[in-house]
Each structure stands twice: as structure tokens, then as C-alpha cells.
Amino acid sequence: MVLAPELLVQSMDMETLIWLAALIVIYTSWTMYASWQAARRQPDIQFEAQTQLSEAPR
């Protein structure tokens, strides 16, 4: 069953809609921030592993 956006908006009052939009924005920005932080940390780990591999005796 697919709900049309018009029906969804009609069944909700404006305050609920604003809260829903705010929660979506907060959740999206939080996940993007967390993923950005993880991406910032990741290259350091990869660089250290690469350095250790290149310095390892063969």
C-alpha cells in the first residue's frame, strides 16, 4: 500500500509535520556528521598500516 503525500499531509496537523521534518533533518545531519568523522579518522589508520607494511622486514 502506497500512501500519497497529499493524504499524509491531510491526516497530520501542521505541528506534527514540522516535528517530523525537524527530526528527519536532525537525524540526517547527525548521520552525515558521524560518517564525515569516520571518514576523517579512516585515512590515518590506512596510512599507519601501509607504513608498517612498507617498513616490515621481508
C-alpha atoms as a PDB file:
ATOM      1  CA  MET A   1       0.000   0.000   0.000  1.00  0.00           C
ATOM      2  CA  VAL A   2       1.467   3.334  -1.072  1.00  0.00           C
ATOM      3  CA  LEU A   3       0.367   6.500   0.718  1.00  0.00           C
ATOM      4  CA  ALA A   4       0.073   9.604  -1.418  1.00  0.00           C
ATOM      5  CA  PRO A   5       1.839  12.609   0.163  1.00  0.00           C
ATOM      6  CA  GLU A   6      -1.379  14.647  -0.066  1.00  0.00           C
ATOM      7  CA  LEU A   7      -3.257  12.108   2.072  1.00  0.00           C
ATOM      8  CA  LEU A   8      -0.410  12.005   4.566  1.00  0.00           C
ATOM      9  CA  VAL A   9      -0.364  15.807   4.909  1.00  0.00           C
ATOM     10  CA  GLN A  10      -4.153  15.960   5.246  1.00  0.00           C
ATOM     11  CA  SER A  11      -4.169  13.365   8.032  1.00  0.00           C
ATOM     12  CA  MET A  12      -1.494  15.216  10.057  1.00  0.00           C
ATOM     13  CA  ASP A  13      -1.732  18.610  11.639  1.00  0.00           C
ATOM     14  CA  MET A  14       0.934  21.195  10.885  1.00  0.00           C
ATOM     15  CA  GLU A  15       2.737  20.900  14.216  1.00  0.00           C
ATOM     16  CA  THR A  16       3.232  17.145  13.777  1.00  0.00           C
ATOM     17  CA  LEU A  17       4.516  17.728  10.265  1.00  0.00           C
ATOM     18  CA  ILE A  18       7.035  20.322  11.494  1.00  0.00           C
ATOM     19  CA  TRP A  19       8.250  17.966  14.252  1.00  0.00           C
ATOM     20  CA  LEU A  20       8.603  15.134  11.731  1.00  0.00           C
ATOM     21  CA  ALA A  21      10.589  17.340   9.339  1.00  0.00           C
ATOM     22  CA  ALA A  22      12.798  18.569  12.198  1.00  0.00           C
ATOM     23  CA  LEU A  23      13.536  15.008  13.330  1.00  0.00           C
ATOM     24  CA  ILE A  24      14.403  13.956   9.775  1.00  0.00           C
ATOM     25  CA  VAL A  25      16.763  16.935   9.386  1.00  0.00           C
ATOM     26  CA  ILE A  26      18.437  16.269  12.752  1.00  0.00           C
ATOM     27  CA  TYR A  27      18.818  12.534  12.063  1.00  0.00           C
ATOM     28  CA  THR A  28      20.214  13.132   8.573  1.00  0.00           C
ATOM     29  CA  SER A  29      22.694  15.772   9.693  1.00  0.00           C
ATOM     30  CA  TRP A  30      23.808  13.614  12.634  1.00  0.00           C
ATOM     31  CA  THR A  31      24.454  10.562  10.428  1.00  0.00           C
ATOM     32  CA  MET A  32      26.285  12.715   7.870  1.00  0.00           C
ATOM     33  CA  TYR A  33      28.424  14.214  10.653  1.00  0.00           C
ATOM     34  CA  ALA A  34      29.215  10.778  12.092  1.00  0.00           C
ATOM     35  CA  SER A  35      30.139   9.436   8.665  1.00  0.00           C
ATOM     36  CA  TRP A  36      32.317  12.512   7.996  1.00  0.00           C
ATOM     37  CA  GLN A  37      34.134  11.957  11.292  1.00  0.00           C
ATOM     38  CA  ALA A  38      34.673   8.280  10.486  1.00  0.00           C
ATOM     39  CA  ALA A  39      35.997   9.208   7.039  1.00  0.00           C
ATOM     40  CA  ARG A  40      38.407  11.708   8.638  1.00  0.00           C
ATOM     41  CA  ARG A  41      39.753   9.043  11.001  1.00  0.00           C
ATOM     42  CA  GLN A  42      39.975   6.277   8.404  1.00  0.00           C
ATOM     43  CA  PRO A  43      42.865   7.547   6.201  1.00  0.00           C
ATOM     44  CA  ASP A  44      45.141   7.826   9.267  1.00  0.00           C
ATOM     45  CA  ILE A  45      44.568   4.169  10.110  1.00  0.00           C
ATOM     46  CA  GLN A  46      45.165   3.127   6.494  1.00  0.00           C
ATOM     47  CA  PHE A  47      48.317   5.265   6.296  1.00  0.00           C
ATOM     48  CA  GLU A  48      49.731   3.744   9.503  1.00  0.00           C
ATOM     49  CA  ALA A  49      49.026   0.208   8.290  1.00  0.00           C
ATOM     50  CA  GLN A  50      50.665   0.990   4.943  1.00  0.00           C
ATOM     51  CA  THR A  51      53.736   2.463   6.685  1.00  0.00           C
ATOM     52  CA  GLN A  52      54.076  -0.588   8.920  1.00  0.00           C
ATOM     53  CA  LEU A  53      53.801  -2.888   5.897  1.00  0.00           C
ATOM     54  CA  SER A  54      56.461  -0.991   3.952  1.00  0.00           C
ATOM     55  CA  GLU A  55      58.818  -0.964   6.964  1.00  0.00           C
ATOM     56  CA  ALA A  56      58.344  -4.670   7.715  1.00  0.00           C
ATOM     57  CA  PRO A  57      61.409  -6.812   7.031  1.00  0.00           C
ATOM     58  CA  ARG A  58      60.992  -9.027   4.000  1.00  0.00           C
END
